[in-house]
PDB file of N, CA and C in Angstrom:
ATOM      1  N   MET A   1      10.561   0.733 -25.528  1.00  0.00           N
ATOM      2  CA  MET A   1       9.139  -0.632 -25.924  1.00  0.00           C
ATOM      3  C   MET A   1       8.205  -0.537 -24.028  1.00  0.00           C
ATOM      4  N   ALA A   2       7.403  -0.463 -24.703  1.00  0.00           N
ATOM      5  CA  ALA A   2       5.929  -0.241 -23.234  1.00  0.00           C
ATOM      6  C   ALA A   2       6.716  -1.630 -22.734  1.00  0.00           C
ATOM      7  N   THR A   3       6.396  -1.164 -20.617  1.00  0.00           N
ATOM      8  CA  THR A   3       5.872  -2.510 -20.614  1.00  0.00           C
ATOM      9  C   THR A   3       4.653  -1.988 -19.301  1.00  0.00           C
ATOM     10  N   ALA A   4       3.438  -2.955 -18.885  1.00  0.00           N
ATOM     11  CA  ALA A   4       2.621  -2.591 -18.708  1.00  0.00           C
ATOM     12  C   ALA A   4       2.808  -2.659 -16.780  1.00  0.00           C
ATOM     13  N   ARG A   5       2.181  -2.292 -15.623  1.00  0.00           N
ATOM     14  CA  ARG A   5       2.639  -2.239 -14.965  1.00  0.00           C
ATOM     15  C   ARG A   5       1.885  -3.194 -14.655  1.00  0.00           C
ATOM     16  N   ARG A   6       2.622  -4.271 -13.740  1.00  0.00           N
ATOM     17  CA  ARG A   6       0.873  -5.965 -13.058  1.00  0.00           C
ATOM     18  C   ARG A   6       0.765  -5.330 -11.216  1.00  0.00           C
ATOM     19  N   ALA A   7      -0.503  -5.729 -11.645  1.00  0.00           N
ATOM     20  CA  ALA A   7      -1.030  -5.229 -10.197  1.00  0.00           C
ATOM     21  C   ALA A   7      -0.065  -6.666  -8.924  1.00  0.00           C
ATOM     22  N   CYS A   8      -0.066  -5.852  -8.169  1.00  0.00           N
ATOM     23  CA  CYS A   8       0.615  -7.449  -6.863  1.00  0.00           C
ATOM     24  C   CYS A   8       0.012  -7.698  -6.071  1.00  0.00           C
ATOM     25  N   SER A   9      -0.478  -9.413  -6.302  1.00  0.00           N
ATOM     26  CA  SER A   9      -2.078  -8.973  -5.007  1.00  0.00           C
ATOM     27  C   SER A   9      -1.286  -9.340  -3.821  1.00  0.00           C
ATOM     28  N   PHE A  10      -0.322  -9.370  -3.137  1.00  0.00           N
ATOM     29  CA  PHE A  10       0.020  -9.913  -2.231  1.00  0.00           C
ATOM     30  C   PHE A  10       1.103  -9.158  -1.361  1.00  0.00           C
ATOM     31  N   VAL A  11       1.635  -8.551   0.214  1.00  0.00           N
ATOM     32  CA  VAL A  11       2.532  -7.668   0.502  1.00  0.00           C
ATOM     33  C   VAL A  11       3.413  -8.689   1.253  1.00  0.00           C
ATOM     34  N   PRO A  12       4.277  -8.923   0.636  1.00  0.00           N
ATOM     35  CA  PRO A  12       5.454  -9.384   1.315  1.00  0.00           C
ATOM     36  C   PRO A  12       5.525  -8.962   3.099  1.00  0.00           C
ATOM     37  N   ARG A  13       5.898 -10.152   3.933  1.00  0.00           N
ATOM     38  CA  ARG A  13       5.949  -9.942   5.724  1.00  0.00           C
ATOM     39  C   ARG A  13       7.196  -9.242   5.860  1.00  0.00           C
ATOM     40  N   LEU A  14       8.298  -8.802   4.825  1.00  0.00           N
ATOM     41  CA  LEU A  14       8.935  -7.656   5.221  1.00  0.00           C
ATOM     42  C   LEU A  14       9.003  -6.453   5.111  1.00  0.00           C
ATOM     43  N   LEU A  15       7.659  -6.247   3.776  1.00  0.00           N
ATOM     44  CA  LEU A  15       6.901  -4.993   3.861  1.00  0.00           C
ATOM     45  C   LEU A  15       6.164  -4.979   4.820  1.00  0.00           C
ATOM     46  N   PHE A  16       5.312  -5.510   4.939  1.00  0.00           N
ATOM     47  CA  PHE A  16       4.480  -5.691   5.526  1.00  0.00           C
ATOM     48  C   PHE A  16       4.634  -4.963   6.821  1.00  0.00           C
ATOM     49  N   ALA A  17       5.838  -6.120   7.548  1.00  0.00           N
ATOM     50  CA  ALA A  17       6.397  -5.536   8.901  1.00  0.00           C
ATOM     51  C   ALA A  17       7.574  -3.687   9.246  1.00  0.00           C
ATOM     52  N   ALA A  18       7.610  -3.775   7.897  1.00  0.00           N
ATOM     53  CA  ALA A  18       8.063  -2.449   7.030  1.00  0.00           C
ATOM     54  C   ALA A  18       7.247  -1.645   6.853  1.00  0.00           C
ATOM     55  N   LEU A  19       5.878  -2.097   6.928  1.00  0.00           N
ATOM     56  CA  LEU A  19       4.657  -0.439   7.039  1.00  0.00           C
ATOM     57  C   LEU A  19       4.318  -0.091   8.178  1.00  0.00           C
ATOM     58  N   LEU A  20       3.672  -1.770   9.364  1.00  0.00           N
ATOM     59  CA  LEU A  20       4.201  -1.498  11.066  1.00  0.00           C
ATOM     60  C   LEU A  20       4.556  -0.568  11.604  1.00  0.00           C
ATOM     61  N   SER A  21       6.523  -0.950  11.735  1.00  0.00           N
ATOM     62  CA  SER A  21       7.019  -0.187  11.403  1.00  0.00           C
ATOM     63  C   SER A  21       6.959   0.888  12.100  1.00  0.00           C
ATOM     64  N   GLY A  22       6.711   1.767  10.682  1.00  0.00           N
ATOM     65  CA  GLY A  22       7.527   3.087  10.452  1.00  0.00           C
ATOM     66  C   GLY A  22       8.299   3.327   9.588  1.00  0.00           C
ATOM     67  N   ALA A  23       8.918   2.283   9.079  1.00  0.00           N
ATOM     68  CA  ALA A  23       9.997   2.221   8.399  1.00  0.00           C
ATOM     69  C   ALA A  23       9.768   3.450   7.169  1.00  0.00           C
ATOM     70  N   SER A  24      10.851   3.626   5.569  1.00  0.00           N
ATOM     71  CA  SER A  24      10.667   4.441   5.074  1.00  0.00           C
ATOM     72  C   SER A  24      10.300   2.752   4.038  1.00  0.00           C
ATOM     73  N   LEU A  25       9.127   3.669   3.249  1.00  0.00           N
ATOM     74  CA  LEU A  25       8.965   3.400   2.258  1.00  0.00           C
ATOM     75  C   LEU A  25       9.691   3.047   0.510  1.00  0.00           C
ATOM     76  N   ALA A  26      10.570   3.236   1.038  1.00  0.00           N
ATOM     77  CA  ALA A  26      11.393   3.742  -0.321  1.00  0.00           C
ATOM     78  C   ALA A  26      12.465   1.995  -0.251  1.00  0.00           C
ATOM     79  N   ASP A  27      13.352   1.524   0.732  1.00  0.00           N
ATOM     80  CA  ASP A  27      13.032   0.359   0.508  1.00  0.00           C
ATOM     81  C   ASP A  27      13.289  -0.891   1.895  1.00  0.00           C
ATOM     82  N   PRO A  28      11.885  -1.036   1.613  1.00  0.00           N
ATOM     83  CA  PRO A  28      12.222  -1.692   3.624  1.00  0.00           C
ATOM     84  C   PRO A  28      12.911  -3.159   3.764  1.00  0.00           C
ATOM     85  N   TYR A  29      13.772  -3.343   2.320  1.00  0.00           N
ATOM     86  CA  TYR A  29      14.872  -4.733   2.519  1.00  0.00           C
ATOM     87  C   TYR A  29      16.322  -4.238   3.413  1.00  0.00           C
ATOM     88  N   ALA A  30      16.270  -2.720   2.918  1.00  0.00           N
ATOM     89  CA  ALA A  30      17.761  -2.573   2.848  1.00  0.00           C
ATOM     90  C   ALA A  30      18.001  -2.201   4.656  1.00  0.00           C
ATOM     91  N   PRO A  31      19.417  -2.781   5.282  1.00  0.00           N
ATOM     92  CA  PRO A  31      19.799  -2.942   5.941  1.00  0.00           C
ATOM     93  C   PRO A  31      19.538  -1.804   6.823  1.00  0.00           C
ATOM     94  N   PRO A  32      19.238  -1.176   8.575  1.00  0.00           N
ATOM     95  CA  PRO A  32      19.214   0.181   8.985  1.00  0.00           C
ATOM     96  C   PRO A  32      20.555   0.526   8.468  1.00  0.00           C
ATOM     97  N   GLY A  33      20.325   1.918   8.559  1.00  0.00           N
ATOM     98  CA  GLY A  33      21.090   3.046   8.147  1.00  0.00           C
ATOM     99  C   GLY A  33      22.370   3.317   6.709  1.00  0.00           C
ATOM    100  N   THR A  34      21.801   1.665   5.955  1.00  0.00           N
ATOM    101  CA  THR A  34      21.924   2.008   4.079  1.00  0.00           C
ATOM    102  C   THR A  34      21.372   2.977   4.158  1.00  0.00           C
ATOM    103  N   PRO A  35      21.961   4.701   3.318  1.00  0.00           N
ATOM    104  CA  PRO A  35      21.504   5.091   2.728  1.00  0.00           C
ATOM    105  C   PRO A  35      20.771   4.943   1.306  1.00  0.00           C
ATOM    106  N   LEU A  36      19.863   5.690   1.209  1.00  0.00           N
ATOM    107  CA  LEU A  36      18.804   5.113   0.702  1.00  0.00           C
ATOM    108  C   LEU A  36      17.872   6.722  -0.275  1.00  0.00           C
ATOM    109  N   ASP A  37      18.232   7.271  -1.319  1.00  0.00           N
ATOM    110  CA  ASP A  37      17.233   7.683  -1.919  1.00  0.00           C
ATOM    111  C   ASP A  37      17.436   8.257  -3.121  1.00  0.00           C
ATOM    112  N   HIS A  38      16.276   7.356  -3.566  1.00  0.00           N
ATOM    113  CA  HIS A  38      16.144   7.419  -4.786  1.00  0.00           C
ATOM    114  C   HIS A  38      15.758   8.175  -5.902  1.00  0.00           C
ATOM    115  N   GLU A  39      15.194   9.404  -5.202  1.00  0.00           N
ATOM    116  CA  GLU A  39      15.074  10.825  -5.559  1.00  0.00           C
ATOM    117  C   GLU A  39      16.268  11.642  -6.264  1.00  0.00           C
ATOM    118  N   ARG A  40      17.550  11.295  -5.676  1.00  0.00           N
ATOM    119  CA  ARG A  40      18.910  12.241  -5.881  1.00  0.00           C
ATOM    120  C   ARG A  40      19.774  11.286  -6.163  1.00  0.00           C
ATOM    121  N   GLY A  41      19.233   9.309  -6.200  1.00  0.00           N
ATOM    122  CA  GLY A  41      20.656   9.188  -6.891  1.00  0.00           C
ATOM    123  C   GLY A  41      21.914   8.321  -6.142  1.00  0.00           C
ATOM    124  N   ASP A  42      20.872   8.159  -4.623  1.00  0.00           N
ATOM    125  CA  ASP A  42      21.870   7.690  -3.268  1.00  0.00           C
ATOM    126  C   ASP A  42      21.389   6.382  -3.066  1.00  0.00           C
ATOM    127  N   PHE A  43      22.389   5.264  -4.399  1.00  0.00           N
ATOM    128  CA  PHE A  43      21.874   3.697  -4.050  1.00  0.00           C
ATOM    129  C   PHE A  43      23.493   3.254  -3.055  1.00  0.00           C
ATOM    130  N   ALA A  44      22.989   2.604  -2.392  1.00  0.00           N
ATOM    131  CA  ALA A  44      24.159   1.452  -1.428  1.00  0.00           C
ATOM    132  C   ALA A  44      24.625   0.838  -3.146  1.00  0.00           C
ATOM    133  N   ARG A  45      26.381   0.575  -2.931  1.00  0.00           N
ATOM    134  CA  ARG A  45      26.778   0.338  -3.832  1.00  0.00           C
ATOM    135  C   ARG A  45      28.115  -1.563  -3.615  1.00  0.00           C
ATOM    136  N   ASP A  46      28.103  -2.561  -4.868  1.00  0.00           N
ATOM    137  CA  ASP A  46      28.971  -2.920  -3.499  1.00  0.00           C
ATOM    138  C   ASP A  46      30.028  -2.700  -4.346  1.00  0.00           C
ATOM    139  N   LYS A  47      31.695  -3.876  -3.991  1.00  0.00           N
ATOM    140  CA  LYS A  47      32.643  -3.720  -4.432  1.00  0.00           C
ATOM    141  C   LYS A  47      32.981  -3.021  -5.807  1.00  0.00           C
ATOM    142  N   ARG A  48      32.201  -3.084  -6.883  1.00  0.00           N
ATOM    143  CA  ARG A  48      32.554  -2.201  -8.196  1.00  0.00           C
ATOM    144  C   ARG A  48      31.317  -1.672  -8.964  1.00  0.00           C
ATOM    145  N   GLY A  49      30.941  -1.292  -7.411  1.00  0.00           N
ATOM    146  CA  GLY A  49      30.425   0.617  -7.641  1.00  0.00           C
ATOM    147  C   GLY A  49      28.743   0.288  -8.568  1.00  0.00           C
ATOM    148  N   ARG A  50      28.335  -1.050  -8.499  1.00  0.00           N
ATOM    149  CA  ARG A  50      26.851  -1.437  -9.275  1.00  0.00           C
ATOM    150  C   ARG A  50      26.113  -1.046  -8.159  1.00  0.00           C
ATOM    151  N   ILE A  51      24.921  -1.116  -8.632  1.00  0.00           N
ATOM    152  CA  ILE A  51      24.095  -0.378  -7.736  1.00  0.00           C
ATOM    153  C   ILE A  51      23.825  -1.773  -6.642  1.00  0.00           C
ATOM    154  N   GLN A  52      23.432  -1.724  -5.554  1.00  0.00           N
ATOM    155  CA  GLN A  52      23.714  -3.277  -4.606  1.00  0.00           C
ATOM    156  C   GLN A  52      21.773  -3.928  -5.032  1.00  0.00           C
ATOM    157  N   ARG A  53      21.848  -4.852  -5.745  1.00  0.00           N
ATOM    158  CA  ARG A  53      19.986  -5.382  -5.021  1.00  0.00           C
ATOM    159  C   ARG A  53      19.528  -6.015  -4.489  1.00  0.00           C
ATOM    160  N   SER A  54      18.752  -6.228  -3.973  1.00  0.00           N
ATOM    161  CA  SER A  54      18.591  -6.957  -2.155  1.00  0.00           C
ATOM    162  C   SER A  54      18.208  -8.468  -2.967  1.00  0.00           C
ATOM    163  N   THR A  55      18.527  -9.620  -2.368  1.00  0.00           N
ATOM    164  CA  THR A  55      17.724 -10.765  -2.960  1.00  0.00           C
ATOM    165  C   THR A  55      16.708 -11.027  -1.951  1.00  0.00           C
ATOM    166  N   ALA A  56      16.823 -10.728  -1.447  1.00  0.00           N
ATOM    167  CA  ALA A  56      14.756 -10.511  -0.195  1.00  0.00           C
ATOM    168  C   ALA A  56      13.861 -10.408  -1.205  1.00  0.00           C
ATOM    169  N   THR A  57      14.833  -9.360  -2.431  1.00  0.00           N
ATOM    170  CA  THR A  57      13.291  -8.791  -3.273  1.00  0.00           C
ATOM    171  C   THR A  57      13.014  -9.497  -4.340  1.00  0.00           C
ATOM    172  N   VAL A  58      13.958 -10.318  -4.791  1.00  0.00           N
ATOM    173  CA  VAL A  58      14.260 -11.303  -5.645  1.00  0.00           C
ATOM    174  C   VAL A  58      13.536 -12.654  -5.057  1.00  0.00           C
ATOM    175  N   THR A  59      13.757 -13.011  -3.697  1.00  0.00           N
ATOM    176  CA  THR A  59      12.555 -13.942  -4.214  1.00  0.00           C
ATOM    177  C   THR A  59      11.200 -14.687  -3.279  1.00  0.00           C
ATOM    178  N   ALA A  60      11.227 -13.382  -3.637  1.00  0.00           N
ATOM    179  CA  ALA A  60       9.186 -12.291  -2.749  1.00  0.00           C
ATOM    180  C   ALA A  60       8.508 -13.001  -3.943  1.00  0.00           C
ATOM    181  N   PHE A  61       9.368 -11.493  -5.571  1.00  0.00           N
ATOM    182  CA  PHE A  61       8.816 -11.634  -6.694  1.00  0.00           C
ATOM    183  C   PHE A  61       8.779 -13.366  -7.048  1.00  0.00           C
ATOM    184  N   ARG A  62       9.653 -14.048  -7.334  1.00  0.00           N
ATOM    185  CA  ARG A  62       9.417 -15.200  -7.747  1.00  0.00           C
ATOM    186  C   ARG A  62       8.825 -16.638  -6.760  1.00  0.00           C
ATOM    187  N   ALA A  63       8.019 -15.970  -5.268  1.00  0.00           N
ATOM    188  CA  ALA A  63       7.381 -16.386  -4.702  1.00  0.00           C
ATOM    189  C   ALA A  63       6.214 -16.033  -5.609  1.00  0.00           C
ATOM    190  N   GLU A  64       5.704 -15.222  -6.027  1.00  0.00           N
ATOM    191  CA  GLU A  64       5.084 -15.097  -6.802  1.00  0.00           C
ATOM    192  C   GLU A  64       4.437 -14.754  -7.484  1.00  0.00           C
ATOM    193  N   HIS A  65       5.527 -14.799  -8.384  1.00  0.00           N
ATOM    194  CA  HIS A  65       5.977 -15.328 -10.222  1.00  0.00           C
ATOM    195  C   HIS A  65       6.387 -16.603 -10.723  1.00  0.00           C
ATOM    196  N   PRO A  66       6.614 -17.389 -10.938  1.00  0.00           N
ATOM    197  CA  PRO A  66       7.525 -18.591 -11.587  1.00  0.00           C
ATOM    198  C   PRO A  66       7.897 -18.271 -12.863  1.00  0.00           C
ATOM    199  N   CYS A  67       9.111 -18.834 -13.094  1.00  0.00           N
ATOM    200  CA  CYS A  67       9.992 -19.499 -13.794  1.00  0.00           C
ATOM    201  C   CYS A  67       8.628 -19.433 -15.080  1.00  0.00           C
ATOM    202  N   PRO A  68       8.596 -18.287 -16.457  1.00  0.00           N
ATOM    203  CA  PRO A  68       8.007 -18.722 -17.129  1.00  0.00           C
ATOM    204  C   PRO A  68       8.550 -19.935 -18.050  1.00  0.00           C
ATOM    205  N   SER A  69       9.839 -20.416 -18.491  1.00  0.00           N
ATOM    206  CA  SER A  69       9.826 -21.150 -18.735  1.00  0.00           C
ATOM    207  C   SER A  69      10.063 -23.100 -17.973  1.00  0.00           C
ATOM    208  N   THR A  70      10.549 -22.256 -17.105  1.00  0.00           N
ATOM    209  CA  THR A  70      10.271 -23.832 -15.964  1.00  0.00           C
ATOM    210  C   THR A  70       8.825 -24.368 -15.298  1.00  0.00           C
ATOM    211  N   GLY A  71       8.289 -23.479 -14.638  1.00  0.00           N
ATOM    212  CA  GLY A  71       7.325 -23.280 -13.995  1.00  0.00           C
ATOM    213  C   GLY A  71       7.316 -23.549 -12.373  1.00  0.00           C
ATOM    214  N   LEU A  72       8.973 -23.264 -12.088  1.00  0.00           N
ATOM    215  CA  LEU A  72       9.449 -23.516 -10.974  1.00  0.00           C
ATOM    216  C   LEU A  72       9.889 -21.898 -10.629  1.00  0.00           C
ATOM    217  N   ASN A  73      10.187 -21.839  -8.824  1.00  0.00           N
ATOM    218  CA  ASN A  73       9.970 -20.924  -7.906  1.00  0.00           C
ATOM    219  C   ASN A  73      11.525 -20.453  -8.027  1.00  0.00           C
ATOM    220  N   ALA A  74      12.253 -21.448  -8.299  1.00  0.00           N
ATOM    221  CA  ALA A  74      13.228 -21.988  -7.711  1.00  0.00           C
ATOM    222  C   ALA A  74      14.405 -21.343  -9.284  1.00  0.00           C
ATOM    223  N   GLY A  75      15.430 -22.225  -8.858  1.00  0.00           N
ATOM    224  CA  GLY A  75      16.338 -22.921  -9.716  1.00  0.00           C
ATOM    225  C   GLY A  75      16.750 -21.762 -11.336  1.00  0.00           C
ATOM    226  N   PRO A  76      17.176 -22.243 -12.071  1.00  0.00           N
ATOM    227  CA  PRO A  76      17.391 -21.464 -12.951  1.00  0.00           C
ATOM    228  C   PRO A  76      16.865 -21.439 -14.178  1.00  0.00           C
ATOM    229  N   CYS A  77      16.782 -20.237 -14.599  1.00  0.00           N
ATOM    230  CA  CYS A  77      15.022 -19.684 -15.732  1.00  0.00           C
ATOM    231  C   CYS A  77      16.141 -19.536 -17.013  1.00  0.00           C
ATOM    232  N   PRO A  78      15.865 -20.227 -17.844  1.00  0.00           N
ATOM    233  CA  PRO A  78      16.498 -20.968 -19.205  1.00  0.00           C
ATOM    234  C   PRO A  78      15.765 -19.429 -19.849  1.00  0.00           C
ATOM    235  N   GLY A  79      16.501 -18.555 -20.748  1.00  0.00           N
ATOM    236  CA  GLY A  79      16.055 -18.556 -21.551  1.00  0.00           C
ATOM    237  C   GLY A  79      14.950 -16.830 -21.165  1.00  0.00           C
ATOM    238  N   TYR A  80      15.686 -16.639 -19.850  1.00  0.00           N
ATOM    239  CA  TYR A  80      14.732 -15.349 -19.350  1.00  0.00           C
ATOM    240  C   TYR A  80      15.375 -15.384 -18.059  1.00  0.00           C
ATOM    241  N   VAL A  81      15.285 -13.998 -17.620  1.00  0.00           N
ATOM    242  CA  VAL A  81      16.383 -13.079 -16.485  1.00  0.00           C
ATOM    243  C   VAL A  81      14.497 -12.017 -16.289  1.00  0.00           C
ATOM    244  N   ILE A  82      14.943 -11.761 -14.667  1.00  0.00           N
ATOM    245  CA  ILE A  82      14.407 -10.914 -13.776  1.00  0.00           C
ATOM    246  C   ILE A  82      14.625  -9.530 -13.776  1.00  0.00           C
ATOM    247  N   ASP A  83      13.968  -7.968 -14.076  1.00  0.00           N
ATOM    248  CA  ASP A  83      14.854  -7.565 -15.169  1.00  0.00           C
ATOM    249  C   ASP A  83      13.788  -6.035 -13.595  1.00  0.00           C
ATOM    250  N   HIS A  84      14.027  -5.179 -13.612  1.00  0.00           N
ATOM    251  CA  HIS A  84      13.577  -3.994 -12.949  1.00  0.00           C
ATOM    252  C   HIS A  84      12.599  -3.297 -14.525  1.00  0.00           C
ATOM    253  N   ILE A  85      11.366  -2.992 -13.810  1.00  0.00           N
ATOM    254  CA  ILE A  85      10.473  -2.359 -14.627  1.00  0.00           C
ATOM    255  C   ILE A  85      10.576  -1.187 -14.677  1.00  0.00           C
ATOM    256  N   ARG A  86      11.500  -0.184 -14.245  1.00  0.00           N
ATOM    257  CA  ARG A  86      12.128   0.891 -14.581  1.00  0.00           C
ATOM    258  C   ARG A  86      13.141   1.013 -13.173  1.00  0.00           C
ATOM    259  N   ALA A  87      13.436   1.474 -14.163  1.00  0.00           N
ATOM    260  CA  ALA A  87      15.621   1.244 -13.601  1.00  0.00           C
ATOM    261  C   ALA A  87      15.625   1.644 -12.088  1.00  0.00           C
ATOM    262  N   LEU A  88      16.729   1.254 -11.796  1.00  0.00           N
ATOM    263  CA  LEU A  88      16.574   2.132  -9.808  1.00  0.00           C
ATOM    264  C   LEU A  88      17.690   3.061 -10.449  1.00  0.00           C
ATOM    265  N   ARG A  89      18.286   3.235 -11.404  1.00  0.00           N
ATOM    266  CA  ARG A  89      19.173   4.888 -11.757  1.00  0.00           C
ATOM    267  C   ARG A  89      17.810   5.698 -12.401  1.00  0.00           C
ATOM    268  N   ARG A  90      16.515   5.665 -12.919  1.00  0.00           N
ATOM    269  CA  ARG A  90      15.638   5.993 -13.027  1.00  0.00           C
ATOM    270  C   ARG A  90      14.829   6.533 -11.612  1.00  0.00           C
ATOM    271  N   GLY A  91      15.127   5.786 -10.915  1.00  0.00           N
ATOM    272  CA  GLY A  91      14.089   6.529 -10.371  1.00  0.00           C
ATOM    273  C   GLY A  91      13.260   5.157  -8.786  1.00  0.00           C
ATOM    274  N   GLY A  92      13.768   3.593 -10.029  1.00  0.00           N
ATOM    275  CA  GLY A  92      12.994   2.620  -9.258  1.00  0.00           C
ATOM    276  C   GLY A  92      12.836   2.006  -8.396  1.00  0.00           C
ATOM    277  N   ALA A  93      12.310   1.030  -7.954  1.00  0.00           N
ATOM    278  CA  ALA A  93      12.094   0.648  -6.421  1.00  0.00           C
ATOM    279  C   ALA A  93      12.163  -0.877  -6.726  1.00  0.00           C
ATOM    280  N   ASP A  94      13.442  -1.050  -5.984  1.00  0.00           N
ATOM    281  CA  ASP A  94      13.812  -2.859  -6.229  1.00  0.00           C
ATOM    282  C   ASP A  94      12.992  -3.233  -5.109  1.00  0.00           C
ATOM    283  N   LEU A  95      11.599  -3.188  -5.925  1.00  0.00           N
ATOM    284  CA  LEU A  95      10.679  -4.135  -5.024  1.00  0.00           C
ATOM    285  C   LEU A  95      10.090  -5.154  -5.588  1.00  0.00           C
ATOM    286  N   PRO A  96       9.084  -6.058  -5.134  1.00  0.00           N
ATOM    287  CA  PRO A  96       8.671  -7.139  -6.057  1.00  0.00           C
ATOM    288  C   PRO A  96       7.423  -6.434  -6.754  1.00  0.00           C
ATOM    289  N   HIS A  97       7.062  -5.037  -6.999  1.00  0.00           N
ATOM    290  CA  HIS A  97       6.182  -5.062  -7.855  1.00  0.00           C
ATOM    291  C   HIS A  97       6.702  -4.705  -8.947  1.00  0.00           C
ATOM    292  N   ASN A  98       8.113  -3.889  -9.317  1.00  0.00           N
ATOM    293  CA  ASN A  98       8.590  -3.208 -10.256  1.00  0.00           C
ATOM    294  C   ASN A  98       9.747  -4.520 -10.907  1.00  0.00           C
ATOM    295  N   LEU A  99       9.702  -5.680 -10.822  1.00  0.00           N
ATOM    296  CA  LEU A  99       9.797  -6.527 -11.494  1.00  0.00           C
ATOM    297  C   LEU A  99       9.288  -7.508 -12.577  1.00  0.00           C
ATOM    298  N   GLN A 100       9.642  -7.940 -13.298  1.00  0.00           N
ATOM    299  CA  GLN A 100       9.291  -8.384 -14.825  1.00  0.00           C
ATOM    300  C   GLN A 100      10.337  -9.898 -14.740  1.00  0.00           C
ATOM    301  N   TRP A 101       9.945 -10.947 -15.390  1.00  0.00           N
ATOM    302  CA  TRP A 101      10.638 -11.595 -16.043  1.00  0.00           C
ATOM    303  C   TRP A 101      10.314 -11.330 -17.383  1.00  0.00           C
ATOM    304  N   GLN A 102      11.821 -10.960 -18.315  1.00  0.00           N
ATOM    305  CA  GLN A 102      11.815 -11.027 -19.308  1.00  0.00           C
ATOM    306  C   GLN A 102      12.705 -11.377 -19.960  1.00  0.00           C
ATOM    307  N   SER A 103      12.777 -11.436 -21.443  1.00  0.00           N
ATOM    308  CA  SER A 103      13.318 -12.837 -22.443  1.00  0.00           C
ATOM    309  C   SER A 103      14.824 -12.593 -22.572  1.00  0.00           C
ATOM    310  N   ARG A 104      15.527 -13.273 -22.765  1.00  0.00           N
ATOM    311  CA  ARG A 104      17.521 -11.907 -22.864  1.00  0.00           C
ATOM    312  C   ARG A 104      17.676 -11.853 -24.280  1.00  0.00           C
ATOM    313  N   ALA A 105      16.840 -11.729 -25.068  1.00  0.00           N
ATOM    314  CA  ALA A 105      16.911 -11.248 -26.294  1.00  0.00           C
ATOM    315  C   ALA A 105      15.713  -9.510 -26.042  1.00  0.00           C
ATOM    316  N   ALA A 106      14.450  -9.394 -24.934  1.00  0.00           N
ATOM    317  CA  ALA A 106      13.842  -8.295 -24.620  1.00  0.00           C
ATOM    318  C   ALA A 106      14.754  -7.300 -23.966  1.00  0.00           C
ATOM    319  N   ALA A 107      15.665  -8.174 -23.081  1.00  0.00           N
ATOM    320  CA  ALA A 107      16.695  -7.235 -21.773  1.00  0.00           C
ATOM    321  C   ALA A 107      17.882  -6.623 -22.008  1.00  0.00           C
ATOM    322  N   ARG A 108      18.067  -7.540 -23.219  1.00  0.00           N
ATOM    323  CA  ARG A 108      19.166  -6.835 -24.468  1.00  0.00           C
ATOM    324  C   ARG A 108      19.038  -5.188 -24.792  1.00  0.00           C
ATOM    325  N   GLU A 109      17.937  -5.446 -25.716  1.00  0.00           N
ATOM    326  CA  GLU A 109      17.197  -4.386 -26.004  1.00  0.00           C
ATOM    327  C   GLU A 109      17.012  -3.159 -25.406  1.00  0.00           C
ATOM    328  N   LYS A 110      16.298  -3.161 -24.574  1.00  0.00           N
ATOM    329  CA  LYS A 110      15.772  -2.676 -22.585  1.00  0.00           C
ATOM    330  C   LYS A 110      17.271  -2.172 -22.936  1.00  0.00           C
ATOM    331  N   ASP A 111      18.240  -2.526 -22.573  1.00  0.00           N
ATOM    332  CA  ASP A 111      19.723  -1.934 -21.879  1.00  0.00           C
ATOM    333  C   ASP A 111      20.143  -1.280 -22.771  1.00  0.00           C
ATOM    334  N   ARG A 112      19.967  -1.748 -24.041  1.00  0.00           N
ATOM    335  CA  ARG A 112      20.340  -0.483 -25.355  1.00  0.00           C
ATOM    336  C   ARG A 112      19.675   0.978 -24.992  1.00  0.00           C
ATOM    337  N   VAL A 113      18.616   0.548 -24.812  1.00  0.00           N
ATOM    338  CA  VAL A 113      17.819   1.969 -24.491  1.00  0.00           C
ATOM    339  C   VAL A 113      18.058   2.913 -23.314  1.00  0.00           C
ATOM    340  N   GLU A 114      17.944   1.482 -22.537  1.00  0.00           N
ATOM    341  CA  GLU A 114      18.030   2.940 -21.368  1.00  0.00           C
ATOM    342  C   GLU A 114      19.625   3.249 -21.456  1.00  0.00           C
TER     343      GLU A 114
END
């Protein structure tokens, strides 16, 4: 299932601050000292071994892209999930421009293929 990349017309404040400070663009939301190297697959992991996702990234995405079913920027979004366009384990960034709203059925189908 092909997914079109959409242009994001805003630059989150944290990303802008990271650009000014000369920080790595791999993940400007990562805490200092977090080992993240998307090319080698080294990611920060949670207690269960899953790749850690940034809540600031999801917040920035939702600020620009409200829920398709409710039209709200916060709270539950029945029938939809926020999904990475390019999977983290495939080298995708955990940044707002790599996120999309996806129906639960489409997300299950995409997860089966990935």
